[in-house]
Amino acid sequence: MSVRINNKSCNLCGICIDICPGNLLLKKEDKVVIRAPEECWDCAACVKECPTQAIELYLPSEIGGRGATLRAKKEGNERIWACKNPAGEINEYRIKIK
């Protein structure tokens, strides 16, 4: 499992680079890349903090992923998690931020 970065949506703010506890994200030329996807432990810190929703987390097949992805955005005092299944259907889950 790992993350995917949509560099068309990325504004190169660097928040994901600063927040990654594994120091796995870096700027390379004019985009953000993950230097070692196999070392990502799927904490989703970068997904949660990306202000442009440019980062998705692939969900593992062990939890029914098989191509599903997860994104997050902050809206007021809620974090909205959007799970997109392989068929393209999106389910949203709202969680209050403390």
Protein backbone atom coordinates (compact mmCIF):
# COMPACT_ATOMS: atom_id res chain seq x y z
CA MET A 1 0.00 0.00 0.00
CA SER A 2 1.10 3.52 -0.58
CA VAL A 3 0.00 6.96 -1.58
CA ARG A 4 -0.53 8.47 -5.00
CA ILE A 5 0.15 12.14 -5.59
CA ASN A 6 -1.77 13.98 -8.30
CA ASN A 7 0.77 16.62 -9.28
CA LYS A 8 -1.81 18.47 -11.39
CA SER A 9 -3.74 19.19 -8.17
CA CYS A 10 -0.67 19.72 -6.00
CA ASN A 11 0.27 23.34 -5.30
CA LEU A 12 3.74 22.41 -3.96
CA CYS A 13 2.94 23.92 -0.54
CA GLY A 14 5.18 21.37 1.20
CA ILE A 15 2.76 20.52 4.01
CA CYS A 16 2.88 16.82 3.11
CA ILE A 17 6.68 16.85 3.14
CA ASP A 18 6.77 18.44 6.59
CA ILE A 19 4.04 16.18 8.06
CA CYS A 20 5.29 12.77 6.80
CA PRO A 21 6.67 10.97 9.88
CA GLY A 22 8.75 8.66 7.70
CA ASN A 23 10.36 11.52 5.77
CA LEU A 24 9.27 9.79 2.54
CA LEU A 25 7.98 12.74 0.52
CA LEU A 26 10.18 15.22 -1.29
CA LYS A 27 10.11 17.87 -3.99
CA LYS A 28 11.77 16.75 -7.19
CA GLU A 29 11.86 19.40 -9.88
CA ASP A 30 8.29 20.72 -10.03
CA LYS A 31 6.45 17.89 -8.28
CA VAL A 32 6.21 15.97 -5.03
CA VAL A 33 7.26 12.32 -5.10
CA ILE A 34 7.38 9.46 -2.62
CA ARG A 35 10.97 8.25 -2.50
CA ALA A 36 10.28 4.74 -1.18
CA PRO A 37 6.64 3.61 -1.46
CA GLU A 38 7.43 0.28 0.18
CA GLU A 39 8.47 2.13 3.37
CA CYS A 40 5.14 3.97 3.71
CA TRP A 41 3.23 2.63 6.74
CA ASP A 42 -0.06 4.16 5.62
CA CYS A 43 -0.53 6.59 8.49
CA ALA A 44 -2.44 8.91 6.09
CA ALA A 45 -0.99 12.06 7.69
CA CYS A 46 -0.20 13.48 4.25
CA VAL A 47 -3.66 12.56 2.95
CA LYS A 48 -5.35 14.23 5.91
CA GLU A 49 -3.35 17.46 5.76
CA CYS A 50 -3.14 18.09 1.99
CA PRO A 51 -5.14 21.29 1.38
CA THR A 52 -5.79 20.50 -2.30
CA GLN A 53 -6.73 16.80 -1.91
CA ALA A 54 -3.84 15.91 -4.22
CA ILE A 55 -2.90 12.79 -2.24
CA GLU A 56 -4.81 9.51 -2.14
CA LEU A 57 -4.12 6.44 -0.03
CA TYR A 58 -4.56 3.06 -1.70
CA LEU A 59 -6.54 0.72 0.53
CA PRO A 60 -5.18 -2.82 0.94
CA SER A 61 -7.04 -5.83 -0.36
CA GLU A 62 -7.11 -7.18 3.22
CA ILE A 63 -9.77 -4.60 4.06
CA GLY A 64 -11.61 -4.83 0.76
CA GLY A 65 -9.59 -2.24 -1.13
CA ARG A 66 -8.54 -3.95 -4.37
CA GLY A 67 -8.11 -0.62 -6.11
CA ALA A 68 -10.07 1.56 -3.69
CA THR A 69 -8.59 4.88 -2.60
CA LEU A 70 -9.11 7.22 0.32
CA ARG A 71 -8.96 11.05 0.38
CA ALA A 72 -9.67 13.62 3.04
CA LYS A 73 -10.57 17.28 3.25
CA LYS A 74 -11.21 19.64 6.10
CA GLU A 75 -14.50 21.52 6.15
CA GLY A 76 -15.18 23.69 9.18
CA ASN A 77 -14.85 21.51 12.27
CA GLU A 78 -15.14 18.25 10.30
CA ARG A 79 -12.78 16.05 8.32
CA ILE A 80 -14.52 14.45 5.35
CA TRP A 81 -13.05 11.14 4.29
CA ALA A 82 -14.03 10.01 0.78
CA CYS A 83 -13.57 6.37 -0.14
CA LYS A 84 -13.67 5.68 -3.88
CA ASN A 85 -14.20 2.04 -4.84
CA PRO A 86 -12.87 0.47 -8.07
CA ALA A 87 -16.22 1.07 -9.79
CA GLY A 88 -15.85 4.82 -9.15
CA GLU A 89 -18.53 5.08 -6.46
CA ILE A 90 -17.66 7.43 -3.61
CA ASN A 91 -18.79 7.08 0.01
CA GLU A 92 -18.15 9.99 2.35
CA TYR A 93 -17.66 9.84 6.09
CA ARG A 94 -17.73 12.97 8.25
CA ILE A 95 -15.79 13.04 11.48
CA LYS A 96 -15.76 15.95 13.91
CA ILE A 97 -12.33 17.40 14.60
CA LYS A 98 -11.61 18.00 18.28
